[in-house]
Amino acid sequence: MINKIARAWKDYEYCAHNLMYIRTRAQEIVPFNWYYSQHKIHKLMLSSKRPRIIVLKPRQEEGFSTYFCGAGFHILHTQKNFRGLHLAQDDEASKSFAEMYQTFETHFGGVNGNPLLQYKQKRFGADDAVYPELNSKVHFGTAGQKSSAPKKGRSKNYNFVHLSEFAFWTDPESTMTGLRSCVADEDYTYIIIESTPSSMGHLFYRMCQGARQGINEFTFFFFPWYEDPKLRLPLEPGEVLELDEEELEAQGRYSLDLEQMKWRKMKKRQYMLEKGAQGIRNFKQEYPENWLECFMANAFGYVSPETVQDHMARIEDENQQAISVLGKPYIKMFEDPRSSDEYVIGIDSSEGLDVGDYDYACAWNVQTGNQAGFIHGKFALQTWADYCCEFGKYLNNALLIPEANNHGWMVIERMSETNRYQRIYRDPVKRSISGVPRNIQRKGFYTSSNSKKKACDKFKIALDHSVRNSIVGSSEYKVYPNDVELCREMLEFEEKDGKLGAVSGSHDDRFMGAVIGFHGIEAALQKVTIYG
């Protein structure tokens, strides 16, 4: 047994399988046998002396929290002066982490007989586990639902930090700022973030995206269902598996074999029998095949989540990157302007303040339907108008379509009077002058509830026509957004009580800039002379 324990302290995997026990939901004490997903995350943990990992969990729980609690327990016994922190989204989850540690210790080595770990001075509580003989301590806390959450972890130093259900913390930015300064950039320190997804506007989504792009310190981990060797069904002798168009695309995209496809058909059919058409979406939420599908459950549905997912997958496949224009860093381009092409720029203007909404200018290539570039930020109104005019000149004197509401009037005036920009869209408006109906032209796109609804609906239809499996004819106009943050806003745009807009706490400046720009595409294609 001594040799067994000595080996266990050198090898977490061996220790878990031979000496550690867990409590199931049925309150049974069973050996800590790992899922395949836990083996995968363990390999990733061993790949670096300084693990910084962000785990996106699907709806199907794969025991990641249990794995990381076990890892903390194991490191506590192998690393001197250990300081660990497990932060959960609520008190119940935090309490469960403390109970895991207690179960690991109480039943270390077996359920029956005396426990192998006996500490005379240890102290277990709801908030911490203290081991004076090891000079080690583990804290268990709650973040995200208390006003004191941002203070968690400040003024302390940790070797091991595990943040659970991070996507449901209400103030993750403040908490992360405090926590990050408490972990040294040294070997054998650990920062682990794991969560099921929530809104794409949350920091968790942005951190996952940053990890995938290699622009933050974290390594991204996602476990799709088809990597689990148990999820497959053998074919009967002579059985021929018929696949529809969607299934053939999935098979090709994810390199699925026929046994996996048979399991997929069975499981999808199961969900459809229970939920009808909604069952397909439920299946993708519970058994996602790519990381974006995990976030689809939280979409608000004005633009079909499947449509948005297809565009986001295309952006990733094409490796679309926004490049700053030399000398004009505020202009971000996805393509070099072509002299033979025509461009339109939809402009959604904010109040020009440091708080509140953002400014967004969305450039579309009229010939291809591709999003050519954008400007996004918070600018003074005069500066914003000047930047939009420079953007237009850069794109072959593009047609500018500024929103003609409130502060938008000041932007239009600056464009016209100071910049003398010629190609500004004009709305045709009917007015009664001296009792005589007259057609007049008004600069900018006026967004009444009716015009906004009409423009948004047309843009949504064009997005649907642009997906890769669309069966619409070639005569239908298609648009291809390349700004992934624009796609994210599509998922948080809703129609509620007859009104269109972003859900509470989100923004729609990118979406509305794109919609207004698409309205300009229609004018350009129809050669309507409603601009100067």
Protein backbone atom coordinates (compact mmCIF):
# COMPACT_ATOMS: atom_id res chain seq x y z
CA MET A 1 0.00 0.00 0.00
CA ILE A 2 2.90 2.37 0.75
CA ASN A 3 4.24 1.93 -2.78
CA LYS A 4 0.75 2.45 -4.15
CA ILE A 5 0.37 5.73 -2.29
CA ALA A 6 3.84 6.88 -3.31
CA ARG A 7 2.97 6.30 -6.95
CA ALA A 8 -0.42 7.95 -6.48
CA TRP A 9 1.10 11.24 -5.33
CA LYS A 10 3.20 11.33 -8.51
CA ASP A 11 0.33 10.50 -10.86
CA TYR A 12 -3.14 12.07 -10.52
CA GLU A 13 -4.67 9.66 -13.03
CA TYR A 14 -3.38 6.62 -11.14
CA CYS A 15 -4.43 8.18 -7.84
CA ALA A 16 -7.98 8.86 -9.06
CA HIS A 17 -8.50 5.37 -10.45
CA ASN A 18 -7.02 3.49 -7.49
CA LEU A 19 -7.47 5.55 -4.33
CA MET A 20 -10.06 8.30 -4.84
CA TYR A 21 -13.82 8.02 -4.47
CA ILE A 22 -16.72 10.32 -5.32
CA ARG A 23 -20.33 10.67 -4.21
CA THR A 24 -22.93 10.19 -6.96
CA ARG A 25 -26.24 12.03 -7.25
CA ALA A 26 -27.83 8.92 -5.76
CA GLN A 27 -25.53 9.46 -2.72
CA GLU A 28 -23.51 6.34 -3.43
CA ILE A 29 -19.75 6.32 -2.83
CA VAL A 30 -18.07 4.89 -5.95
CA PRO A 31 -14.53 4.78 -7.38
CA PHE A 32 -13.47 7.90 -9.28
CA ASN A 33 -13.39 6.33 -12.74
CA TRP A 34 -12.96 8.96 -15.43
CA TYR A 35 -15.07 9.67 -18.48
CA TYR A 36 -13.29 9.83 -21.80
CA SER A 37 -13.63 13.63 -21.69
CA GLN A 38 -11.82 13.71 -18.34
CA HIS A 39 -8.94 11.74 -19.83
CA LYS A 40 -8.78 14.30 -22.65
CA ILE A 41 -8.66 17.30 -20.31
CA HIS A 42 -6.03 15.52 -18.21
CA LYS A 43 -3.74 15.23 -21.24
CA LEU A 44 -4.15 18.95 -21.81
CA MET A 45 -3.31 19.68 -18.17
CA LEU A 46 -0.10 17.67 -18.50
CA SER A 47 0.94 19.45 -21.70
CA SER A 48 2.10 22.58 -19.88
CA LYS A 49 3.89 23.41 -16.64
CA ARG A 50 1.70 26.50 -16.38
CA PRO A 51 -1.83 25.46 -17.45
CA ARG A 52 -4.22 28.24 -18.41
CA ILE A 53 -7.31 26.46 -19.76
CA ILE A 54 -10.82 27.61 -20.66
CA VAL A 55 -13.36 24.79 -21.02
CA LEU A 56 -16.63 25.18 -22.93
CA LYS A 57 -19.02 22.52 -21.66
CA PRO A 58 -22.05 21.33 -23.65
CA ARG A 59 -25.35 20.80 -21.91
CA GLN A 60 -24.41 17.17 -21.31
CA GLU A 61 -22.30 17.23 -18.12
CA GLU A 62 -18.98 15.46 -18.52
CA GLY A 63 -17.65 15.74 -14.95
CA PHE A 64 -15.21 18.60 -15.54
CA SER A 65 -15.88 20.27 -12.16
CA THR A 66 -15.26 16.96 -10.40
CA TYR A 67 -12.04 16.47 -12.35
CA PHE A 68 -10.73 19.93 -11.38
CA CYS A 69 -11.68 19.53 -7.72
CA GLY A 70 -9.84 16.21 -7.75
CA ALA A 71 -6.84 17.90 -9.38
CA GLY A 72 -6.80 20.56 -6.66
CA PHE A 73 -7.01 17.89 -3.96
CA HIS A 74 -4.14 15.96 -5.55
CA ILE A 75 -1.89 19.00 -6.00
CA LEU A 76 -2.55 20.01 -2.38
CA HIS A 77 -0.79 16.83 -1.26
CA THR A 78 2.11 17.11 -3.70
CA GLN A 79 2.97 20.83 -3.71
CA LYS A 80 4.26 22.63 -0.62
CA ASN A 81 2.47 25.72 0.70
CA PHE A 82 -0.50 25.12 -1.58
CA ARG A 83 -3.16 27.82 -1.88
CA GLY A 84 -6.21 26.86 -3.90
CA LEU A 85 -9.42 28.62 -4.84
CA HIS A 86 -12.64 27.18 -6.24
CA LEU A 87 -15.18 29.85 -7.17
CA ALA A 88 -18.67 28.74 -8.19
CA GLN A 89 -21.69 30.61 -9.53
CA ASP A 90 -23.81 30.07 -6.41
CA ASP A 91 -23.64 28.89 -2.80
CA GLU A 92 -24.95 25.40 -3.56
CA ALA A 93 -22.21 24.70 -6.12
CA SER A 94 -19.55 26.14 -3.80
CA LYS A 95 -20.76 23.86 -1.02
CA SER A 96 -20.60 20.85 -3.36
CA PHE A 97 -16.91 21.59 -4.07
CA ALA A 98 -16.13 21.57 -0.34
CA GLU A 99 -18.02 18.29 0.02
CA MET A 100 -15.99 16.77 -2.85
CA TYR A 101 -12.75 17.50 -0.99
CA GLN A 102 -14.17 15.97 2.16
CA THR A 103 -15.26 12.85 0.26
CA PHE A 104 -11.85 12.53 -1.41
CA GLU A 105 -10.14 12.61 1.99
CA THR A 106 -12.63 10.59 4.05
CA HIS A 107 -12.70 7.69 1.57
CA PHE A 108 -9.14 7.91 0.29
CA GLY A 109 -7.99 4.35 -0.31
CA GLY A 110 -11.38 2.67 0.10
CA VAL A 111 -14.90 2.94 1.43
CA ASN A 112 -14.43 0.46 4.27
CA GLY A 113 -11.83 0.55 7.02
CA ASN A 114 -9.74 3.42 8.35
CA PRO A 115 -8.99 6.29 5.94
CA LEU A 116 -5.40 6.42 4.74
CA LEU A 117 -5.20 10.19 5.21
CA GLN A 118 -5.28 11.23 8.85
CA TYR A 119 -4.56 14.83 9.81
CA LYS A 120 -4.86 15.84 13.43
CA GLN A 121 -5.17 19.57 12.87
CA LYS A 122 -7.17 19.79 9.65
CA ARG A 123 -10.28 21.94 9.52
CA PHE A 124 -13.13 21.61 7.04
CA GLY A 125 -15.69 24.35 6.67
CA ALA A 126 -18.14 25.65 4.12
CA ASP A 127 -15.63 28.29 2.98
CA ASP A 128 -12.28 26.56 3.28
CA ALA A 129 -10.27 23.45 4.03
CA VAL A 130 -7.14 24.06 6.12
CA TYR A 131 -4.24 21.62 6.50
CA PRO A 132 -1.73 23.10 8.99
CA GLU A 133 0.53 20.05 8.73
CA LEU A 134 0.90 20.70 4.99
CA ASN A 135 0.88 24.49 5.40
CA SER A 136 -1.86 24.42 2.76
CA LYS A 137 -5.30 25.90 2.40
CA VAL A 138 -8.17 25.74 -0.09
CA HIS A 139 -10.90 28.39 -0.32
CA PHE A 140 -14.42 27.74 -1.62
CA GLY A 141 -16.37 30.79 -2.66
CA THR A 142 -19.25 32.17 -4.66
CA ALA A 143 -18.98 34.69 -7.46
CA GLY A 144 -21.37 36.27 -9.89
CA GLN A 145 -24.51 36.67 -7.80
CA LYS A 146 -23.32 38.78 -4.87
CA SER A 147 -22.23 42.39 -4.72
CA SER A 148 -19.06 41.28 -2.95
CA ALA A 149 -18.08 38.92 -5.77
CA PRO A 150 -15.46 41.25 -7.31
CA LYS A 151 -13.57 41.22 -4.00
CA LYS A 152 -13.13 37.45 -4.03
CA GLY A 153 -9.50 36.51 -4.23
CA ARG A 154 -8.04 40.00 -3.89
CA SER A 155 -5.04 40.46 -1.57
CA LYS A 156 -4.32 36.71 -1.66
CA ASN A 157 -1.90 34.56 -3.62
CA TYR A 158 -2.95 31.28 -5.20
CA ASN A 159 -1.24 28.37 -6.93
CA PHE A 160 -4.49 26.89 -8.24
CA VAL A 161 -7.63 28.78 -9.32
CA HIS A 162 -10.73 27.00 -10.63
CA LEU A 163 -13.64 29.18 -11.81
CA SER A 164 -16.86 27.26 -12.41
CA GLU A 165 -19.90 28.28 -14.51
CA PHE A 166 -18.08 31.50 -15.32
CA ALA A 167 -20.64 32.47 -18.00
CA PHE A 168 -23.24 33.03 -15.27
CA TRP A 169 -21.24 35.48 -13.17
CA THR A 170 -22.79 38.94 -13.23
CA ASP A 171 -19.55 40.93 -13.02
CA PRO A 172 -16.82 38.67 -14.44
CA GLU A 173 -14.59 41.53 -15.62
CA SER A 174 -14.06 42.94 -12.12
CA THR A 175 -13.62 39.51 -10.57
CA MET A 176 -11.09 38.42 -13.19
CA THR A 177 -9.07 41.61 -12.78
CA GLY A 178 -8.69 40.89 -9.08
CA LEU A 179 -8.05 37.18 -9.44
CA ARG A 180 -5.54 37.37 -12.26
CA SER A 181 -3.18 39.50 -10.17
CA CYS A 182 -3.25 36.84 -7.44
CA VAL A 183 -1.68 34.09 -9.56
CA ALA A 184 2.00 34.43 -10.40
CA ASP A 185 3.24 33.79 -13.93
CA GLU A 186 5.31 30.84 -12.75
CA ASP A 187 5.48 27.12 -13.41
CA TYR A 188 3.11 24.87 -11.47
CA THR A 189 0.43 27.52 -11.17
CA TYR A 190 -3.01 26.82 -12.60
CA ILE A 191 -5.92 28.92 -13.84
CA ILE A 192 -8.93 26.93 -15.02
CA ILE A 193 -12.19 28.42 -16.29
CA GLU A 194 -15.06 26.09 -17.14
CA SER A 195 -18.66 26.81 -17.96
CA THR A 196 -21.71 25.95 -19.97
CA PRO A 197 -22.50 28.88 -22.29
CA SER A 198 -24.78 31.82 -21.73
CA SER A 199 -25.04 35.01 -23.76
CA MET A 200 -22.56 35.79 -26.52
CA GLY A 201 -22.29 39.22 -24.93
CA HIS A 202 -20.69 37.71 -21.83
CA LEU A 203 -16.95 37.80 -21.16
CA PHE A 204 -16.86 34.00 -21.29
CA TYR A 205 -17.74 33.96 -25.00
CA ARG A 206 -15.10 36.60 -25.77
CA MET A 207 -12.48 34.68 -23.80
CA CYS A 208 -13.33 31.45 -25.65
CA GLN A 209 -13.08 33.29 -28.94
CA GLY A 210 -9.78 34.89 -27.90
CA ALA A 211 -8.35 31.52 -26.85
CA ARG A 212 -9.32 29.99 -30.19
CA GLN A 213 -7.63 32.87 -32.02
CA GLY A 214 -4.53 32.68 -29.83
CA ILE A 215 -4.84 36.25 -28.57
CA ASN A 216 -5.07 35.53 -24.84
CA GLU A 217 -3.16 33.27 -22.48
CA PHE A 218 -5.75 30.48 -22.38
CA THR A 219 -5.93 27.20 -24.25
CA PHE A 220 -9.44 26.45 -25.49
CA PHE A 221 -10.98 23.04 -24.77
CA PHE A 222 -14.25 21.79 -26.22
CA PHE A 223 -15.42 18.18 -26.27
CA PRO A 224 -17.88 17.45 -29.13
CA TRP A 225 -20.01 14.33 -28.87
CA TYR A 226 -18.30 12.51 -31.74
CA GLU A 227 -15.01 12.35 -29.82
CA ASP A 228 -16.68 10.06 -27.28
CA PRO A 229 -16.00 6.47 -28.43
CA LYS A 230 -19.19 5.23 -26.73
CA LEU A 231 -21.51 7.29 -28.94
CA ARG A 232 -21.81 5.03 -31.98
CA LEU A 233 -24.07 2.21 -33.22
CA PRO A 234 -22.78 -0.76 -35.24
CA LEU A 235 -24.44 -1.43 -38.60
CA GLU A 236 -26.22 -4.71 -39.17
CA PRO A 237 -24.77 -7.03 -41.86
CA GLY A 238 -25.76 -5.64 -45.24
CA GLU A 239 -27.35 -2.52 -43.72
CA VAL A 240 -27.24 0.56 -45.95
CA LEU A 241 -27.46 3.86 -44.11
CA GLU A 242 -29.31 6.52 -46.10
CA LEU A 243 -28.18 10.08 -45.35
CA ASP A 244 -29.97 13.29 -46.26
CA GLU A 245 -28.21 16.46 -47.44
CA GLU A 246 -27.73 17.88 -43.93
CA GLU A 247 -26.32 14.58 -42.69
CA LEU A 248 -23.93 14.29 -45.62
CA GLU A 249 -22.61 17.77 -44.90
CA ALA A 250 -22.15 16.95 -41.19
CA GLN A 251 -20.40 13.70 -42.08
CA GLY A 252 -17.98 15.50 -44.37
CA ARG A 253 -17.38 18.48 -42.10
CA TYR A 254 -16.61 16.41 -38.98
CA SER A 255 -15.23 13.24 -40.64
CA LEU A 256 -17.87 11.01 -39.07
CA ASP A 257 -17.93 7.31 -39.86
CA LEU A 258 -21.13 5.34 -40.53
CA GLU A 259 -21.45 4.01 -36.98
CA GLN A 260 -21.34 7.57 -35.66
CA MET A 261 -23.86 8.66 -38.29
CA LYS A 262 -26.21 5.85 -37.28
CA TRP A 263 -26.03 6.97 -33.64
CA ARG A 264 -26.59 10.59 -34.73
CA LYS A 265 -29.69 9.67 -36.79
CA MET A 266 -31.10 7.67 -33.88
CA LYS A 267 -30.52 10.42 -31.32
CA LYS A 268 -31.82 13.20 -33.59
CA ARG A 269 -34.95 11.15 -34.39
CA GLN A 270 -35.46 10.64 -30.67
CA TYR A 271 -35.45 14.39 -30.04
CA MET A 272 -37.73 15.08 -33.00
CA LEU A 273 -40.32 12.55 -31.76
CA GLU A 274 -40.34 14.30 -28.39
CA LYS A 275 -40.19 17.95 -29.50
CA GLY A 276 -41.06 18.07 -33.20
CA ALA A 277 -39.08 20.60 -35.25
CA GLN A 278 -37.72 22.12 -32.03
CA GLY A 279 -36.12 18.74 -31.34
CA ILE A 280 -33.43 19.35 -33.96
CA ARG A 281 -32.30 22.47 -32.13
CA ASN A 282 -32.47 20.63 -28.79
CA PHE A 283 -30.29 17.87 -30.22
CA LYS A 284 -27.67 20.38 -31.35
CA GLN A 285 -27.70 22.04 -27.94
CA GLU A 286 -27.27 18.79 -26.03
CA TYR A 287 -24.84 17.16 -28.45
CA PRO A 288 -23.05 20.05 -30.19
CA GLU A 289 -20.72 19.33 -33.07
CA ASN A 290 -18.90 22.65 -32.93
CA TRP A 291 -18.32 25.22 -30.24
CA LEU A 292 -20.76 27.78 -31.67
CA GLU A 293 -23.71 25.39 -31.38
CA CYS A 294 -23.30 25.53 -27.60
CA PHE A 295 -24.31 29.18 -27.61
CA MET A 296 -27.35 28.75 -29.85
CA ALA A 297 -29.67 27.95 -26.91
CA ASN A 298 -29.45 31.56 -25.80
CA ALA A 299 -30.31 33.12 -29.16
CA PHE A 300 -33.44 35.28 -29.22
CA GLY A 301 -34.63 34.18 -32.62
CA TYR A 302 -35.32 37.24 -34.79
CA VAL A 303 -32.57 35.99 -37.08
CA SER A 304 -32.56 32.19 -37.17
CA PRO A 305 -29.76 30.84 -34.93
CA GLU A 306 -29.03 28.25 -37.61
CA THR A 307 -28.51 31.03 -40.14
CA VAL A 308 -26.18 32.91 -37.81
CA GLN A 309 -24.27 29.74 -37.00
CA ASP A 310 -23.74 29.02 -40.68
CA HIS A 311 -22.35 32.51 -41.27
CA MET A 312 -20.08 32.27 -38.22
CA ALA A 313 -18.81 28.86 -39.37
CA ARG A 314 -18.13 30.33 -42.82
CA ILE A 315 -16.20 33.23 -41.25
CA GLU A 316 -14.09 30.73 -39.33
CA ASP A 317 -13.57 28.46 -42.35
CA GLU A 318 -12.49 31.41 -44.49
CA ASN A 319 -10.33 32.77 -41.65
CA GLN A 320 -11.77 36.25 -42.12
CA GLN A 321 -9.60 38.84 -40.37
CA ALA A 322 -10.25 42.58 -40.15
CA ILE A 323 -7.07 44.47 -41.08
CA SER A 324 -6.55 48.14 -40.21
CA VAL A 325 -5.99 50.51 -43.12
CA LEU A 326 -2.53 52.08 -43.17
CA GLY A 327 -2.79 55.62 -41.85
CA LYS A 328 -6.46 55.12 -40.91
CA PRO A 329 -6.38 52.53 -38.09
CA TYR A 330 -10.05 53.07 -37.25
CA ILE A 331 -11.03 51.57 -40.65
CA LYS A 332 -11.04 47.75 -40.57
CA MET A 333 -11.12 45.94 -43.91
CA PHE A 334 -11.83 42.35 -44.94
CA GLU A 335 -10.86 42.97 -48.57
CA ASP A 336 -8.86 45.47 -50.59
CA PRO A 337 -11.15 47.88 -52.45
CA ARG A 338 -11.49 47.12 -56.16
CA SER A 339 -11.84 50.07 -58.52
CA SER A 340 -14.46 48.22 -60.58
CA ASP A 341 -16.74 47.56 -57.59
CA GLU A 342 -19.34 49.78 -55.96
CA TYR A 343 -19.67 50.06 -52.18
CA VAL A 344 -22.33 51.30 -49.78
CA ILE A 345 -21.82 52.17 -46.12
CA GLY A 346 -24.63 51.95 -43.55
CA ILE A 347 -24.04 54.27 -40.59
CA ASP A 348 -25.55 53.84 -37.12
CA SER A 349 -24.58 56.86 -35.00
CA SER A 350 -24.51 57.12 -31.21
CA GLU A 351 -24.72 60.23 -29.05
CA GLY A 352 -20.97 60.73 -29.11
CA LEU A 353 -20.59 59.99 -25.38
CA ASP A 354 -18.21 57.70 -23.51
CA VAL A 355 -21.20 55.81 -22.11
CA GLY A 356 -24.09 54.16 -23.92
CA ASP A 357 -24.19 52.92 -27.49
CA TYR A 358 -21.40 52.62 -30.03
CA ASP A 359 -20.96 53.98 -33.54
CA TYR A 360 -20.85 51.49 -36.40
CA ALA A 361 -20.30 51.94 -40.13
CA CYS A 362 -20.82 48.78 -42.20
CA ALA A 363 -19.43 48.66 -45.75
CA TRP A 364 -20.97 46.25 -48.27
CA ASN A 365 -19.61 45.35 -51.70
CA VAL A 366 -22.66 45.77 -53.95
CA GLN A 367 -21.36 43.36 -56.62
CA THR A 368 -20.53 40.44 -54.28
CA GLY A 369 -22.66 41.02 -51.18
CA ASN A 370 -19.54 40.65 -49.02
CA GLN A 371 -19.02 42.83 -45.99
CA ALA A 372 -15.95 44.76 -47.10
CA GLY A 373 -15.11 46.46 -43.80
CA PHE A 374 -16.34 48.48 -40.84
CA ILE A 375 -15.61 51.19 -38.29
CA HIS A 376 -16.65 50.59 -34.68
CA GLY A 377 -16.12 52.62 -31.54
CA LYS A 378 -17.20 55.65 -29.56
CA PHE A 379 -16.39 58.95 -31.21
CA ALA A 380 -17.35 62.61 -30.89
CA LEU A 381 -20.07 63.38 -33.44
CA GLN A 382 -17.84 65.61 -35.59
CA THR A 383 -15.02 63.07 -35.57
CA TRP A 384 -17.45 60.28 -36.41
CA ALA A 385 -18.82 62.17 -39.41
CA ASP A 386 -15.28 62.89 -40.65
CA TYR A 387 -14.24 59.23 -40.27
CA CYS A 388 -17.29 58.03 -42.21
CA CYS A 389 -16.50 60.43 -45.07
CA GLU A 390 -12.90 59.19 -45.16
CA PHE A 391 -14.23 55.63 -45.20
CA GLY A 392 -16.45 56.48 -48.15
CA LYS A 393 -13.62 58.11 -50.10
CA TYR A 394 -11.40 55.08 -49.44
CA LEU A 395 -14.10 52.84 -50.98
CA ASN A 396 -14.43 54.54 -54.37
CA ASN A 397 -16.64 57.35 -53.04
CA ALA A 398 -19.11 54.88 -51.60
CA LEU A 399 -22.75 55.75 -51.07
CA LEU A 400 -23.16 56.76 -47.40
CA ILE A 401 -26.45 55.91 -45.70
CA PRO A 402 -26.48 57.65 -42.30
CA GLU A 403 -29.41 57.16 -39.96
CA ALA A 404 -31.52 60.33 -39.90
CA ASN A 405 -32.64 60.37 -36.27
CA ASN A 406 -31.77 62.63 -33.34
CA HIS A 407 -27.97 62.98 -33.26
CA GLY A 408 -27.85 61.50 -36.77
CA TRP A 409 -28.91 64.90 -38.11
CA MET A 410 -25.72 66.48 -36.76
CA VAL A 411 -23.65 63.77 -38.45
CA ILE A 412 -25.43 64.37 -41.78
CA GLU A 413 -24.91 68.13 -41.51
CA ARG A 414 -21.19 67.67 -40.83
CA MET A 415 -20.89 65.31 -43.80
CA SER A 416 -22.69 67.72 -46.11
CA GLU A 417 -21.53 71.16 -44.99
CA THR A 418 -18.01 70.59 -43.65
CA ASN A 419 -16.82 67.55 -45.63
CA ARG A 420 -18.84 68.39 -48.75
CA TYR A 421 -19.40 64.67 -49.30
CA GLN A 422 -21.52 64.27 -52.42
CA ARG A 423 -22.93 60.74 -52.30
CA ILE A 424 -25.30 60.76 -49.34
CA TYR A 425 -28.45 58.66 -49.56
CA ARG A 426 -31.76 60.52 -49.71
CA ASP A 427 -35.09 59.12 -48.54
CA PRO A 428 -38.06 59.79 -50.82
CA VAL A 429 -40.78 61.37 -48.67
CA LYS A 430 -44.29 62.50 -49.55
CA ARG A 431 -45.24 65.89 -48.12
CA SER A 432 -48.21 68.20 -48.60
CA ILE A 433 -46.96 71.65 -49.59
CA SER A 434 -49.67 74.34 -49.78
CA GLY A 435 -52.19 71.53 -49.98
CA VAL A 436 -50.45 69.92 -52.96
CA PRO A 437 -48.88 66.43 -52.49
CA ARG A 438 -45.19 66.59 -53.37
CA ASN A 439 -42.37 64.04 -53.47
CA ILE A 440 -39.32 65.44 -51.73
CA GLN A 441 -35.94 63.94 -50.82
CA ARG A 442 -34.50 63.98 -47.32
CA LYS A 443 -30.87 63.12 -46.60
CA GLY A 444 -30.28 59.96 -44.59
CA PHE A 445 -32.37 56.90 -43.78
CA TYR A 446 -35.23 57.74 -41.45
CA THR A 447 -35.93 54.81 -39.12
CA SER A 448 -39.57 54.91 -38.13
CA SER A 449 -41.03 51.75 -36.60
CA ASN A 450 -42.38 50.81 -40.05
CA SER A 451 -39.22 51.53 -42.06
CA LYS A 452 -37.07 49.78 -39.45
CA LYS A 453 -39.26 46.68 -39.52
CA LYS A 454 -39.28 46.57 -43.32
CA ALA A 455 -35.51 47.04 -43.62
CA CYS A 456 -34.74 44.48 -40.89
CA ASP A 457 -37.04 41.89 -42.45
CA LYS A 458 -35.41 42.28 -45.87
CA PHE A 459 -31.94 41.94 -44.36
CA LYS A 460 -33.00 38.83 -42.45
CA ILE A 461 -34.30 37.23 -45.65
CA ALA A 462 -31.03 37.99 -47.46
CA LEU A 463 -29.09 36.38 -44.60
CA ASP A 464 -31.25 33.25 -44.85
CA HIS A 465 -30.67 33.11 -48.62
CA SER A 466 -26.91 33.26 -48.08
CA VAL A 467 -26.45 30.10 -46.03
CA ARG A 468 -24.56 27.31 -47.72
CA ASN A 469 -27.50 24.89 -47.96
CA SER A 470 -29.96 27.49 -49.20
CA ILE A 471 -32.19 26.26 -52.04
CA VAL A 472 -33.15 29.74 -53.30
CA GLY A 473 -32.41 30.66 -56.88
CA SER A 474 -29.39 32.60 -58.03
CA SER A 475 -31.61 35.63 -58.64
CA GLU A 476 -32.05 36.13 -54.90
CA TYR A 477 -29.58 38.66 -53.48
CA LYS A 478 -27.23 37.28 -50.84
CA VAL A 479 -25.13 39.02 -48.19
CA TYR A 480 -22.08 37.68 -46.37
CA PRO A 481 -21.28 39.38 -43.06
CA ASN A 482 -17.63 38.93 -42.07
CA ASP A 483 -17.63 40.67 -38.69
CA VAL A 484 -18.13 37.93 -36.11
CA GLU A 485 -19.30 40.49 -33.54
CA LEU A 486 -22.02 41.56 -35.97
CA CYS A 487 -23.15 37.91 -36.08
CA ARG A 488 -23.14 37.79 -32.30
CA GLU A 489 -25.45 40.81 -32.17
CA MET A 490 -27.84 39.02 -34.52
CA LEU A 491 -28.36 36.38 -31.83
CA GLU A 492 -29.23 39.06 -29.25
CA PHE A 493 -31.66 40.97 -31.46
CA GLU A 494 -35.34 40.36 -30.78
CA GLU A 495 -38.84 41.37 -31.74
CA LYS A 496 -40.83 41.91 -28.57
CA ASP A 497 -44.27 43.48 -28.23
CA GLY A 498 -44.04 44.70 -31.81
CA LYS A 499 -40.69 46.43 -31.27
CA LEU A 500 -37.30 45.49 -32.68
CA GLY A 501 -34.05 45.93 -30.75
CA ALA A 502 -31.30 44.37 -28.69
CA VAL A 503 -32.20 42.43 -25.57
CA SER A 504 -31.61 44.19 -22.28
CA GLY A 505 -27.90 44.68 -21.59
CA SER A 506 -26.86 44.19 -25.23
CA HIS A 507 -26.23 46.49 -28.21
CA ASP A 508 -27.61 46.57 -31.74
CA ASP A 509 -25.35 49.21 -33.35
CA ARG A 510 -23.59 46.67 -35.57
CA PHE A 511 -26.83 45.01 -36.60
CA MET A 512 -28.58 48.29 -37.44
CA GLY A 513 -25.53 49.60 -39.32
CA ALA A 514 -25.60 46.43 -41.42
CA VAL A 515 -29.37 46.73 -42.00
CA ILE A 516 -29.10 50.38 -43.08
CA GLY A 517 -26.23 49.47 -45.40
CA PHE A 518 -28.29 46.67 -46.95
CA HIS A 519 -31.07 49.18 -47.62
CA GLY A 520 -28.47 51.16 -49.57
CA ILE A 521 -27.56 48.07 -51.59
CA GLU A 522 -31.15 47.88 -52.78
CA ALA A 523 -31.00 51.50 -53.95
CA ALA A 524 -27.70 50.89 -55.74
CA LEU A 525 -28.93 47.71 -57.47
CA GLN A 526 -32.17 49.31 -58.58
CA LYS A 527 -30.22 52.38 -59.79
CA VAL A 528 -32.72 54.54 -57.96
CA THR A 529 -31.59 58.15 -58.19
CA ILE A 530 -32.31 58.98 -54.59
CA TYR A 531 -28.87 60.15 -53.60
CA GLY A 532 -26.83 63.20 -54.37
